[in-house]
Structure formats: structure tokens, C-alpha cells
Amino acid sequence: MADYGLLSIVPAVLALILAFTTRHVVLALGVAVISGMLILTKGHPVDTALMFLSDGPFTQLASGSNAQIIIVITIISGFIYLVEQSGGMAAFSTMATRYVSSPLKAQLATWATGIGVFFTDSGNSLILGPMFSPIYNKLKLSKEKLAFIIDSTSSPICVLIPIISWGVYSQGLIENAFDNMGQPVDGFATFLQVIPYQLYALLALFSVPVYAVLKKDWGPMAEAEQQARQQAEVSVQSADDQQVKSGRISLIVLPLAVLFGSLIALFTYNYHLHGAINGPVIRASLGTSYLIASVTAIAYYAYTKTMTASTAFNTFVSGMQRIMLILVILLLAWTLGDICKSLGTGDYISQVMNDRLPVFMLPALIFIIGSFISVATGSSWGTFAILIPIAVPVASALGADPLICIGAALSGGMLGDHSSPISDTTILSSMSTGCDHVSHVRTQFPYAILTGVTASIGFMVAEITRSPYTIVLAAVLQVALIVLMVRRQAAASPVTA
């Protein structure tokens, strides 16, 4: 293989810089891919164009596993949108909030329901906001607190689940990154191993009940809570702002029961047939189960006159179309990974960093870089697509644990998704709760940064210990930092504490 030296990192650096400056992930990945091809063809524009059309994103579709991932993600997207539009998710949320009568119960109920709606990040925001807003108004809890809890349980729970589109997408990136090093892995099994190292997502979820139990806040959130308590009359959103289509609980229970029943049956059948369940079998089972659940939902919605069969089918198709941008990002990310392999990007970076950066700091550095990209772009999936193909070979070359570095890349994407003012989940959390968007970002950002600090320390400890139980130490540290900040708030303004 030719030695491209410094040129080998140009595509990766361009992807990082353009993602941060333009906030357009597709543009960043596209330019990075073209630049890499120009290097490989020695600047020949015609050869570059031919390479893009013959060996670029289109080639990725020829891979059986890649095509399988795309189909599965598309079907999952259609199913989720169909169930969202039926009103079943709103009914589920209504049932979960039936016994809420105190601020502590309200916050814990919002948190638990957010975790329960684990199959959709946007649906989480759109359902929980309107359903809990009247309760929070009645209990004089701030809209900022509601938006924070919703935002903390949307993407952070989705990124941990291996059987939804988030997990399948990440598994595709992981498999491709290891394949490019000639070390094939099972994406599903590897993703499960990475879960304990997704420190930011786990800590973000963990922080919500901590704040709820302490019944105290700090920084701008404490001010927002004080203002909410002092209001003599709590303003209520207009009916138009709060209206969310609601329906019977069976509209979501039946499709989910069919989904999980099909998954269990197919997993059991394949295990007995093959003696093991690998990535392709899991993806095939997922796609089949989601398809069966979708057909069941369409038939049931038509039977109950929730929708006509034609409307339900069109809704399912519309849901599949919504994922198109994500599929483009995924194809470009796979292509960039192949180009970095051809250029020897990972080997060059490892040579440059060798003896210059302590290995234990690599996951924390990946997390910090990912955080900057995701905050700037508002895209967690785009951050995953940029970092995972780079992080895996660099980690392997430097002797770091690739699993921890993958967890750091996923965590970096999460921080931005959780706190960026241009993140879709951040925007939806503001919109669905009637909270001023600037106020939501201002009150949530300090909490996100504190969690980011804890995660950074946790990644360094994880690389030193190589222990999945690092999350326990990180959780203890998170509680200590929260208590410290709350006490500082109380000391600074005793009245508001």
C-alpha cells in the first residue's frame, strides 16, 4: 500500500472541520469522500468521478450486510411513525401519569415514561411534553425542568437499545470499521459490549432521578424553578399548542406485543436451527418482526377505524421516507471508512500520536472531539458516522480498547444531541413543553457539561482499568458533583435553595 503520509488524514480532518463549521453532516462527509478519492487518483477529476460512481456509496449497497441494515432501519422508521400517528403512544403516556400527585412523582413518572418510550426519540418529546405539561403547571414545576427531563430520556435511552434503528445504525458503523481493519466482528454482540462504556447516555439518564430525589437544582435551572414556584397563577398553553392525537392503549400494546413475540419466536427458532445468533440473523429477525408488527398495526387500525387501511399504509410509507437523510449519511460514512483504510489514516495517526499522547487519554479525547462536532451540528448520528470509522483503527493501532473508544464516540454524539440549540430533540423538547427554546438550552447546558466532565474522567479511568464497571464509579462521582453544585447554590442564595 502506498504511503500517503500527511495526506492520509486530509479526508478525516475535512470531515471534522466542515461538520463543525457548516453544521451540515452530509456536506462534510461528501467533501471528505471526494477529497479522499482525489488523493487516491492523484488529483485526476475524471478518475475521481468514475471512482465515486463505481467504488463510492453505490458500492456500499452491494454489500449484503449494508443492504440489510438499510432495509431494517427503513422498516423500523415506518413502524415507529405509524404507531406515533395512531395516538397509541399518547395513550401510553396518559396511563403512565395517572397516579402523579407530587413534584417528585411527576419527575420520576416523566423519567420512567421517557425510558418506556425507548423506540423513538422524537416521539418521546412530542408525547411527553403535552401530556405532562398540565401536571407540571399544577404542581408549579418549571417548563425548563420538564424540557430537561424529556431531553434527557429521548436520545440517551434510544442510543442504548440494540434492537431499534439507533442500535442497528451503530452496529453497521462498528462492523464496517472492524471489517476495514481485516478484523470482522459481530455488530450486535460488539454493541452489547459497548453499552457499559456509553458513559454520557447512562449518566444523563441517571442524573434525572438524582435531581428529583434531592429536590434541589443549581445554576439557571434553580432560577427557573424558583420563578415557577413564585408564580401566583401558572400560565397554561393554548389547546392548539398542547393538542396531541390520543387513542386507546391497545393501539400501541398490540403492535408491540406482536413485535416482541415475533422477535422471541424468531430468535428461538434461529438459535435451535444454527446453535447461535449472529448479526445477520438478528437483523433479519428484526426486519421480519417489525414488518409483521407493521402489518398487524395497519390491519388493527383499519379494524378499529383509527385509520383506513390506505391511510395507515401511506403513513407507514411516509415513515420510511423520513429516514432518507440518515441513509445518505450512513452510505457516505461507510465510503469514508473505506477511503481512510486505503489511505492508511489510522496507521498514520497512530504513528504521529505514539509516545505523544498517553493511551489512557484517547477515549476522553475522542469524546471531547465528538462533543464539539455534535454541539455544532446538532447531529448525533452524523457524529457517529464521522468518528467511529476513525476511532476504531486508531484505538487498535495505539493499543487502546476499541470498545471504550466506540463508547466515547457515541457519548460525544450524545452530548451535542442533548445540549445543542440546533439539535432536533432539543428543539422538540422546547416546543412540546411550551418552554422558550433559549431558556431550555440555557438551563440544560450546565447540567450537560457537568455530565460531560464526569464522562471524560470516567473514560480515562475506563481505559486504565478496562472494566465495564467503571460506570459505577462515574455514577458516584456524578452524585458527588451534583451535591457539590447544589450546596454551592444554596450557599450563594439560601432563599432559592
Protein backbone atom coordinates (compact mmCIF):
# COMPACT_ATOMS: atom_id res chain seq x y z
CA MET A 1 0.00 0.00 0.00
CA ALA A 2 1.26 3.45 -0.92
CA ASP A 3 2.39 5.72 1.90
CA TYR A 4 0.31 8.88 1.68
CA GLY A 5 1.79 10.45 4.81
CA LEU A 6 0.09 13.65 5.90
CA LEU A 7 -2.38 13.42 3.01
CA SER A 8 -3.90 10.34 4.62
CA ILE A 9 -5.60 12.42 7.31
CA VAL A 10 -6.96 15.12 4.96
CA PRO A 11 -10.40 13.49 4.41
CA ALA A 12 -10.90 12.84 8.13
CA VAL A 13 -9.78 16.36 9.09
CA LEU A 14 -12.01 17.90 6.43
CA ALA A 15 -14.97 15.92 7.72
CA LEU A 16 -14.35 17.17 11.26
CA ILE A 17 -13.76 20.82 10.30
CA LEU A 18 -16.66 21.08 7.86
CA ALA A 19 -19.04 19.34 10.24
CA PHE A 20 -18.15 21.85 12.93
CA THR A 21 -18.17 24.97 10.74
CA THR A 22 -21.00 24.29 8.28
CA ARG A 23 -23.20 22.18 10.56
CA HIS A 24 -24.12 20.07 7.51
CA VAL A 25 -23.02 16.48 8.04
CA VAL A 26 -23.85 15.33 4.50
CA LEU A 27 -21.77 18.16 3.06
CA ALA A 28 -18.89 17.38 5.43
CA LEU A 29 -18.89 13.67 4.61
CA GLY A 30 -19.37 14.30 0.89
CA VAL A 31 -16.44 16.68 0.66
CA ALA A 32 -14.30 14.31 2.72
CA VAL A 33 -15.13 11.41 0.39
CA ILE A 34 -14.37 13.42 -2.76
CA SER A 35 -11.10 14.73 -1.31
CA GLY A 36 -10.01 11.21 -0.42
CA MET A 37 -10.77 9.99 -3.92
CA LEU A 38 -8.83 12.91 -5.41
CA ILE A 39 -5.83 11.84 -3.34
CA LEU A 40 -6.18 8.21 -4.42
CA THR A 41 -6.44 9.22 -8.11
CA LYS A 42 -3.60 11.74 -7.78
CA GLY A 43 -5.89 14.68 -8.47
CA HIS A 44 -7.41 13.37 -11.70
CA PRO A 45 -11.00 14.73 -11.81
CA VAL A 46 -12.37 12.23 -14.34
CA ASP A 47 -10.93 9.25 -12.49
CA THR A 48 -12.32 10.70 -9.26
CA ALA A 49 -15.81 10.99 -10.77
CA LEU A 50 -15.61 7.42 -12.05
CA MET A 51 -14.38 6.18 -8.69
CA PHE A 52 -17.26 7.92 -6.91
CA LEU A 53 -19.79 6.31 -9.24
CA SER A 54 -18.19 2.87 -9.28
CA ASP A 55 -16.48 2.50 -5.88
CA GLY A 56 -18.30 5.12 -3.82
CA PRO A 57 -21.59 4.97 -1.91
CA PHE A 58 -23.14 2.80 -4.61
CA THR A 59 -20.67 0.02 -3.90
CA GLN A 60 -21.71 0.04 -0.26
CA LEU A 61 -25.19 -1.04 -1.33
CA ALA A 62 -23.71 -4.14 -2.95
CA SER A 63 -22.62 -5.41 0.44
CA GLY A 64 -25.19 -7.82 1.81
CA SER A 65 -24.85 -6.64 5.39
CA ASN A 66 -25.04 -2.97 4.41
CA ALA A 67 -28.16 -3.51 2.33
CA GLN A 68 -29.69 -5.50 5.17
CA ILE A 69 -29.02 -2.68 7.65
CA ILE A 70 -30.60 -0.10 5.35
CA ILE A 71 -33.73 -2.19 4.85
CA VAL A 72 -34.13 -2.88 8.57
CA ILE A 73 -33.69 0.79 9.54
CA THR A 74 -36.23 1.82 6.90
CA ILE A 75 -38.85 -0.67 8.13
CA ILE A 76 -38.30 0.38 11.76
CA SER A 77 -38.76 4.02 10.82
CA GLY A 78 -42.06 3.25 9.08
CA PHE A 79 -43.36 1.27 12.08
CA ILE A 80 -42.47 3.98 14.58
CA TYR A 81 -44.14 6.74 12.57
CA LEU A 82 -47.27 4.60 12.10
CA VAL A 83 -47.64 3.97 15.84
CA GLU A 84 -46.91 7.64 16.61
CA GLN A 85 -49.67 8.83 14.30
CA SER A 86 -52.20 6.35 15.68
CA GLY A 87 -52.30 8.05 19.06
CA GLY A 88 -51.19 4.91 20.86
CA MET A 89 -48.06 6.50 22.31
CA ALA A 90 -50.08 9.37 23.78
CA ALA A 91 -52.46 6.85 25.37
CA PHE A 92 -49.50 5.01 26.87
CA SER A 93 -48.19 8.26 28.35
CA THR A 94 -51.63 9.13 29.77
CA MET A 95 -51.85 5.77 31.52
CA ALA A 96 -48.36 6.19 32.99
CA THR A 97 -49.23 9.57 34.54
CA ARG A 98 -52.48 8.52 36.21
CA TYR A 99 -51.13 8.48 39.76
CA VAL A 100 -48.88 11.55 39.69
CA SER A 101 -49.61 13.80 42.68
CA SER A 102 -46.32 15.38 43.83
CA PRO A 103 -43.28 17.07 42.25
CA LEU A 104 -41.13 14.01 42.99
CA LYS A 105 -43.68 11.63 41.45
CA ALA A 106 -44.11 13.93 38.45
CA GLN A 107 -40.39 13.99 37.68
CA LEU A 108 -39.93 10.26 38.24
CA ALA A 109 -43.02 9.49 36.17
CA THR A 110 -41.74 11.64 33.31
CA TRP A 111 -38.37 9.90 33.55
CA ALA A 112 -39.88 6.40 33.67
CA THR A 113 -42.29 7.09 30.82
CA GLY A 114 -39.47 8.56 28.75
CA ILE A 115 -37.50 5.35 29.23
CA GLY A 116 -40.61 3.35 28.37
CA VAL A 117 -40.94 5.14 25.04
CA PHE A 118 -37.49 3.85 24.10
CA PHE A 119 -38.17 3.21 20.44
CA THR A 120 -38.37 6.83 19.25
CA ASP A 121 -36.52 9.97 20.31
CA SER A 122 -38.78 12.47 18.55
CA GLY A 123 -41.91 10.61 19.64
CA ASN A 124 -40.67 10.78 23.22
CA SER A 125 -40.54 14.58 23.09
CA LEU A 126 -43.82 15.07 21.22
CA ILE A 127 -45.77 12.76 23.52
CA LEU A 128 -44.37 13.52 26.96
CA GLY A 129 -44.40 17.31 26.61
CA PRO A 130 -48.15 17.85 26.07
CA MET A 131 -49.10 15.03 28.45
CA PHE A 132 -47.02 16.22 31.43
CA SER A 133 -47.25 20.00 30.93
CA PRO A 134 -50.60 20.37 32.74
CA ILE A 135 -49.28 18.29 35.65
CA TYR A 136 -46.12 20.39 35.94
CA ASN A 137 -48.17 23.59 35.78
CA LYS A 138 -50.44 22.34 38.55
CA LEU A 139 -47.50 21.35 40.74
CA LYS A 140 -45.63 24.58 39.93
CA LEU A 141 -42.67 22.86 38.37
CA SER A 142 -40.96 24.82 35.63
CA LYS A 143 -41.28 24.12 31.93
CA GLU A 144 -37.49 24.15 31.84
CA LYS A 145 -37.36 21.19 34.22
CA LEU A 146 -39.87 19.26 32.12
CA ALA A 147 -37.94 20.01 28.93
CA PHE A 148 -34.70 18.90 30.62
CA ILE A 149 -36.14 15.56 31.73
CA ILE A 150 -37.69 14.87 28.33
CA ASP A 151 -34.45 15.76 26.57
CA SER A 152 -32.52 13.53 28.99
CA THR A 153 -34.65 10.48 28.22
CA SER A 154 -35.11 10.77 24.46
CA SER A 155 -31.83 10.15 22.65
CA PRO A 156 -29.93 8.85 25.73
CA ILE A 157 -32.25 5.84 26.03
CA CYS A 158 -32.50 5.25 22.27
CA VAL A 159 -28.73 5.04 21.81
CA LEU A 160 -28.56 2.18 24.34
CA ILE A 161 -31.13 -0.09 22.68
CA PRO A 162 -29.69 -2.57 20.15
CA ILE A 163 -33.00 -3.57 18.50
CA ILE A 164 -34.15 -0.16 17.26
CA SER A 165 -32.85 1.99 14.41
CA TRP A 166 -30.25 3.72 16.63
CA GLY A 167 -28.69 0.40 17.56
CA VAL A 168 -28.83 -1.08 14.06
CA TYR A 169 -27.25 2.08 12.63
CA SER A 170 -24.41 1.99 15.16
CA GLN A 171 -23.87 -1.72 14.60
CA GLY A 172 -23.42 -1.06 10.88
CA LEU A 173 -20.74 1.54 11.56
CA ILE A 174 -18.98 -0.75 14.04
CA GLU A 175 -18.96 -3.75 11.71
CA ASN A 176 -17.66 -1.65 8.83
CA ALA A 177 -14.89 -0.11 10.95
CA PHE A 178 -13.60 -3.53 12.07
CA ASP A 179 -14.00 -5.03 8.59
CA ASN A 180 -11.74 -2.29 7.20
CA MET A 181 -9.02 -3.50 9.58
CA GLY A 182 -9.48 -7.11 8.49
CA GLN A 183 -10.97 -7.99 11.88
CA PRO A 184 -14.62 -8.92 11.25
CA VAL A 185 -16.86 -8.74 14.31
CA ASP A 186 -20.50 -9.37 15.04
CA GLY A 187 -22.05 -5.90 15.24
CA PHE A 188 -24.82 -6.90 17.64
CA ALA A 189 -22.51 -8.66 20.11
CA THR A 190 -19.97 -5.83 19.95
CA PHE A 191 -22.69 -3.22 20.52
CA LEU A 192 -23.78 -5.05 23.67
CA GLN A 193 -20.19 -4.94 24.92
CA VAL A 194 -20.04 -1.19 24.25
CA ILE A 195 -23.18 -0.36 26.27
CA PRO A 196 -21.39 -0.11 29.67
CA TYR A 197 -18.98 2.39 28.09
CA GLN A 198 -21.69 4.71 26.80
CA LEU A 199 -21.00 6.82 29.83
CA TYR A 200 -22.70 10.05 28.80
CA ALA A 201 -26.02 8.44 27.94
CA LEU A 202 -26.03 6.34 31.11
CA LEU A 203 -25.08 9.30 33.30
CA ALA A 204 -27.65 11.58 31.67
CA LEU A 205 -30.37 9.04 32.44
CA PHE A 206 -29.02 8.51 35.96
CA SER A 207 -28.94 12.24 36.75
CA VAL A 208 -32.69 12.80 36.39
CA PRO A 209 -33.80 10.79 39.45
CA VAL A 210 -30.85 12.18 41.40
CA TYR A 211 -32.08 15.75 40.91
CA ALA A 212 -35.66 14.64 41.58
CA VAL A 213 -34.80 12.95 44.90
CA LEU A 214 -32.57 15.82 46.04
CA LYS A 215 -35.42 18.25 45.24
CA LYS A 216 -32.79 20.88 44.53
CA ASP A 217 -31.19 22.44 41.47
CA TRP A 218 -28.34 24.81 40.66
CA GLY A 219 -27.47 27.45 38.14
CA PRO A 220 -30.10 28.77 35.72
CA MET A 221 -32.34 25.76 36.42
CA ALA A 222 -32.61 26.76 40.08
CA GLU A 223 -33.70 30.24 38.97
CA ALA A 224 -36.31 28.79 36.62
CA GLU A 225 -37.69 26.56 39.37
CA GLN A 226 -37.88 29.47 41.79
CA GLN A 227 -39.77 31.58 39.28
CA ALA A 228 -42.22 28.73 38.67
CA ARG A 229 -42.89 28.34 42.40
CA GLN A 230 -43.40 32.05 42.89
CA GLN A 231 -46.00 32.43 40.20
CA ALA A 232 -49.41 33.09 41.66
CA GLU A 233 -51.08 31.82 38.51
CA VAL A 234 -49.36 29.36 36.25
CA SER A 235 -49.94 30.07 32.60
CA VAL A 236 -51.39 27.26 30.58
CA GLN A 237 -50.64 26.61 26.93
CA SER A 238 -53.38 27.06 24.40
CA ALA A 239 -55.26 23.95 23.35
CA ASP A 240 -53.76 24.19 19.89
CA ASP A 241 -50.24 24.07 21.29
CA GLN A 242 -50.96 21.12 23.53
CA GLN A 243 -53.08 19.02 21.19
CA VAL A 244 -51.63 15.59 20.61
CA LYS A 245 -53.61 12.85 18.98
CA SER A 246 -54.57 10.35 21.65
CA GLY A 247 -56.20 6.97 21.42
CA ARG A 248 -56.66 3.70 23.22
CA ILE A 249 -53.72 1.94 24.82
CA SER A 250 -54.23 -1.13 22.62
CA LEU A 251 -53.08 0.89 19.62
CA ILE A 252 -49.53 0.59 20.91
CA VAL A 253 -49.74 -2.50 23.11
CA LEU A 254 -50.90 -4.87 20.35
CA PRO A 255 -48.23 -3.89 17.76
CA LEU A 256 -45.50 -4.03 20.42
CA ALA A 257 -46.73 -7.38 21.70
CA VAL A 258 -46.64 -8.77 18.16
CA LEU A 259 -43.19 -7.23 17.64
CA PHE A 260 -41.62 -8.73 20.75
CA GLY A 261 -43.47 -12.01 20.32
CA SER A 262 -42.14 -12.31 16.78
CA LEU A 263 -38.62 -11.42 17.91
CA ILE A 264 -38.63 -14.06 20.65
CA ALA A 265 -40.02 -16.69 18.30
CA LEU A 266 -37.52 -15.94 15.53
CA PHE A 267 -34.54 -15.73 17.90
CA THR A 268 -35.53 -19.04 19.49
CA TYR A 269 -36.05 -20.72 16.11
CA ASN A 270 -32.73 -19.49 14.71
CA TYR A 271 -30.85 -20.46 17.85
CA HIS A 272 -32.15 -24.01 17.69
CA LEU A 273 -31.51 -24.12 13.93
CA HIS A 274 -27.97 -22.69 13.91
CA GLY A 275 -26.85 -23.03 17.53
CA ALA A 276 -26.03 -19.32 17.65
CA ILE A 277 -27.47 -15.94 16.73
CA ASN A 278 -25.16 -13.64 14.77
CA GLY A 279 -25.58 -10.14 13.36
CA PRO A 280 -27.18 -11.06 10.00
CA VAL A 281 -29.68 -13.38 11.70
CA ILE A 282 -30.53 -10.71 14.27
CA ARG A 283 -31.06 -8.07 11.57
CA ALA A 284 -33.20 -10.46 9.52
CA SER A 285 -35.26 -11.26 12.62
CA LEU A 286 -35.62 -7.56 13.42
CA GLY A 287 -36.73 -6.66 9.91
CA THR A 288 -39.20 -9.53 9.77
CA SER A 289 -40.62 -8.80 13.22
CA TYR A 290 -41.06 -5.08 12.56
CA LEU A 291 -42.71 -5.89 9.24
CA ILE A 292 -45.13 -8.34 10.88
CA ALA A 293 -45.87 -5.77 13.60
CA SER A 294 -46.46 -3.09 10.96
CA VAL A 295 -48.90 -5.27 9.01
CA THR A 296 -50.67 -6.12 12.28
CA ALA A 297 -50.90 -2.44 13.19
CA ILE A 298 -52.30 -1.49 9.78
CA ALA A 299 -54.94 -4.24 9.99
CA TYR A 300 -55.85 -3.37 13.60
CA TYR A 301 -56.09 0.35 12.94
CA ALA A 302 -58.36 -0.34 9.98
CA TYR A 303 -60.48 -2.73 12.09
CA THR A 304 -60.88 -0.18 14.92
CA LYS A 305 -61.45 2.62 12.38
CA THR A 306 -58.49 4.54 13.81
CA MET A 307 -57.32 4.93 10.23
CA THR A 308 -58.39 3.50 6.93
CA ALA A 309 -56.15 0.72 5.63
CA SER A 310 -55.00 3.04 2.85
CA THR A 311 -54.16 5.87 5.27
CA ALA A 312 -52.31 3.52 7.60
CA PHE A 313 -50.26 2.07 4.76
CA ASN A 314 -49.43 5.55 3.43
CA THR A 315 -48.41 6.59 6.94
CA PHE A 316 -46.08 3.60 7.13
CA VAL A 317 -44.53 4.54 3.78
CA SER A 318 -44.18 8.17 4.88
CA GLY A 319 -42.32 6.98 7.95
CA MET A 320 -39.89 5.04 5.77
CA GLN A 321 -39.28 8.13 3.62
CA ARG A 322 -38.36 10.19 6.70
CA ILE A 323 -35.18 8.17 7.17
CA MET A 324 -33.72 9.02 3.75
CA LEU A 325 -31.22 11.60 5.03
CA ILE A 326 -29.92 9.15 7.61
CA LEU A 327 -29.37 6.53 4.91
CA VAL A 328 -27.34 9.02 2.85
CA ILE A 329 -25.19 9.80 5.88
CA LEU A 330 -24.68 6.10 6.53
CA LEU A 331 -23.61 5.36 2.94
CA LEU A 332 -21.17 8.28 2.93
CA ALA A 333 -19.77 7.21 6.30
CA TRP A 334 -19.16 3.69 5.06
CA THR A 335 -17.46 5.11 1.96
CA LEU A 336 -15.26 7.41 4.06
CA GLY A 337 -14.25 4.43 6.17
CA ASP A 338 -13.11 2.53 3.06
CA ILE A 339 -11.17 5.56 1.85
CA CYS A 340 -9.43 6.00 5.21
CA LYS A 341 -8.49 2.33 5.04
CA SER A 342 -6.99 2.78 1.55
CA LEU A 343 -5.07 5.87 2.65
CA GLY A 344 -3.82 4.26 5.86
CA THR A 345 -5.30 7.03 8.01
CA GLY A 346 -5.39 5.01 11.22
CA ASP A 347 -1.79 3.83 10.86
CA TYR A 348 -0.52 7.35 10.20
CA ILE A 349 -2.39 8.88 13.14
CA SER A 350 -1.12 6.16 15.45
CA GLN A 351 2.47 6.80 14.32
CA VAL A 352 2.13 10.54 14.94
CA MET A 353 0.45 10.10 18.32
CA ASN A 354 2.72 7.33 19.53
CA ASP A 355 4.60 8.46 22.66
CA ARG A 356 2.93 11.89 22.40
CA LEU A 357 -0.46 11.14 23.90
CA PRO A 358 -0.92 8.80 26.86
CA VAL A 359 -3.16 5.96 25.71
CA PHE A 360 -5.49 6.36 28.67
CA MET A 361 -6.45 9.85 27.40
CA LEU A 362 -7.51 8.69 23.92
CA PRO A 363 -11.17 7.84 24.75
CA ALA A 364 -11.59 11.16 26.57
CA LEU A 365 -10.12 13.00 23.57
CA ILE A 366 -12.49 11.19 21.21
CA PHE A 367 -15.39 12.11 23.49
CA ILE A 368 -14.40 15.79 23.58
CA ILE A 369 -13.95 15.98 19.80
CA GLY A 370 -17.30 14.28 19.30
CA SER A 371 -18.94 16.70 21.72
CA PHE A 372 -17.70 19.72 19.76
CA ILE A 373 -18.89 18.24 16.46
CA SER A 374 -22.31 17.28 17.78
CA VAL A 375 -22.86 20.61 19.54
CA ALA A 376 -22.01 22.44 16.31
CA THR A 377 -24.02 20.21 14.00
CA GLY A 378 -26.83 19.13 16.30
CA SER A 379 -26.46 15.67 14.79
CA SER A 380 -25.56 12.66 16.91
CA TRP A 381 -25.83 10.17 14.04
CA GLY A 382 -23.60 12.34 11.88
CA THR A 383 -21.04 12.46 14.68
CA PHE A 384 -21.13 8.67 14.98
CA ALA A 385 -20.59 8.40 11.23
CA ILE A 386 -17.56 10.67 11.31
CA LEU A 387 -15.83 9.37 14.43
CA ILE A 388 -16.38 5.60 14.63
CA PRO A 389 -14.56 4.80 11.34
CA ILE A 390 -11.60 6.83 12.62
CA ALA A 391 -11.69 5.89 16.33
CA VAL A 392 -11.62 2.10 15.87
CA PRO A 393 -8.41 1.80 13.80
CA VAL A 394 -6.62 4.50 15.82
CA ALA A 395 -7.54 2.76 19.08
CA SER A 396 -6.33 -0.58 17.77
CA ALA A 397 -3.07 0.86 16.48
CA LEU A 398 -2.30 2.67 19.75
CA GLY A 399 -3.24 -0.27 21.96
CA ALA A 400 -6.36 1.37 23.40
CA ASP A 401 -9.57 -0.58 23.87
CA PRO A 402 -11.72 -0.08 20.73
CA LEU A 403 -14.90 -0.79 22.72
CA ILE A 404 -14.19 2.09 25.10
CA CYS A 405 -13.35 4.39 22.17
CA ILE A 406 -16.60 3.45 20.42
CA GLY A 407 -18.44 4.26 23.64
CA ALA A 408 -16.62 7.61 23.71
CA ALA A 409 -17.63 8.38 20.12
CA LEU A 410 -21.27 7.52 20.85
CA SER A 411 -21.13 9.58 24.05
CA GLY A 412 -19.68 12.58 22.24
CA GLY A 413 -22.58 12.48 19.81
CA MET A 414 -24.98 12.28 22.73
CA LEU A 415 -23.69 15.41 24.48
CA GLY A 416 -24.38 17.54 21.43
CA ASP A 417 -27.74 15.91 20.78
CA HIS A 418 -28.63 16.63 24.40
CA SER A 419 -27.49 20.25 24.54
CA SER A 420 -27.05 21.75 21.07
CA PRO A 421 -29.57 24.51 20.30
CA ILE A 422 -29.93 23.14 16.76
CA SER A 423 -30.47 19.50 17.78
CA ASP A 424 -33.90 18.21 16.72
CA THR A 425 -34.58 16.61 20.10
CA THR A 426 -33.58 19.80 21.93
CA ILE A 427 -35.90 21.83 19.70
CA LEU A 428 -38.76 19.33 20.08
CA SER A 429 -38.32 19.27 23.87
CA SER A 430 -38.74 23.06 23.95
CA MET A 431 -41.65 23.06 21.51
CA SER A 432 -43.63 20.24 23.10
CA THR A 433 -43.41 21.73 26.61
CA GLY A 434 -44.09 25.33 25.62
CA CYS A 435 -40.69 26.30 27.02
CA ASP A 436 -38.74 29.15 25.50
CA HIS A 437 -36.03 27.47 23.44
CA VAL A 438 -33.23 29.76 24.62
CA SER A 439 -34.30 29.22 28.21
CA HIS A 440 -34.29 25.45 27.74
CA VAL A 441 -30.79 25.47 26.29
CA ARG A 442 -29.54 27.93 28.95
CA THR A 443 -30.86 25.87 31.86
CA GLN A 444 -29.89 22.45 30.48
CA PHE A 445 -26.41 23.24 29.17
CA PRO A 446 -24.68 23.48 32.60
CA TYR A 447 -26.19 20.11 33.57
CA ALA A 448 -24.95 18.59 30.31
CA ILE A 449 -21.45 19.99 30.81
CA LEU A 450 -21.28 18.60 34.35
CA THR A 451 -22.24 15.18 32.98
CA GLY A 452 -19.64 15.63 30.24
CA VAL A 453 -16.92 16.32 32.82
CA THR A 454 -17.86 13.18 34.72
CA ALA A 455 -17.88 11.16 31.49
CA SER A 456 -14.43 12.47 30.50
CA ILE A 457 -12.95 11.38 33.80
CA GLY A 458 -14.79 8.09 33.51
CA PHE A 459 -13.31 7.39 30.08
CA MET A 460 -9.79 7.87 31.37
CA VAL A 461 -10.47 5.52 34.28
CA ALA A 462 -12.13 3.01 31.95
CA GLU A 463 -9.09 2.90 29.66
CA ILE A 464 -6.79 2.36 32.63
CA THR A 465 -8.91 -0.35 34.25
CA ARG A 466 -10.54 -1.84 31.12
CA SER A 467 -13.51 -2.54 33.37
CA PRO A 468 -17.17 -2.19 32.33
CA TYR A 469 -17.94 -1.43 35.98
CA THR A 470 -16.36 2.00 35.57
CA ILE A 471 -19.90 3.33 35.17
CA VAL A 472 -20.47 2.66 38.88
CA LEU A 473 -17.54 4.89 39.84
CA ALA A 474 -18.70 7.51 37.32
CA ALA A 475 -22.20 7.46 38.82
CA VAL A 476 -20.80 8.01 42.32
CA LEU A 477 -18.70 10.90 41.03
CA GLN A 478 -21.76 12.33 39.26
CA VAL A 479 -23.75 12.34 42.51
CA ALA A 480 -20.85 13.98 44.34
CA LEU A 481 -20.56 16.75 41.74
CA ILE A 482 -24.31 17.36 41.72
CA VAL A 483 -24.41 17.60 45.52
CA LEU A 484 -21.42 19.97 45.42
CA MET A 485 -23.10 22.27 42.90
CA VAL A 486 -26.39 22.19 44.80
CA ARG A 487 -24.62 23.16 48.04
CA ARG A 488 -22.77 25.96 46.31
CA GLN A 489 -26.12 27.20 45.00
CA ALA A 490 -27.61 27.06 48.47
CA ALA A 491 -24.65 28.94 49.94
CA ALA A 492 -24.84 31.61 47.27
CA SER A 493 -28.61 32.16 47.55
CA PRO A 494 -30.12 30.47 50.61
CA VAL A 495 -33.61 31.66 49.79
CA THR A 496 -33.73 29.92 46.39
CA ALA A 497 -32.20 26.68 47.60
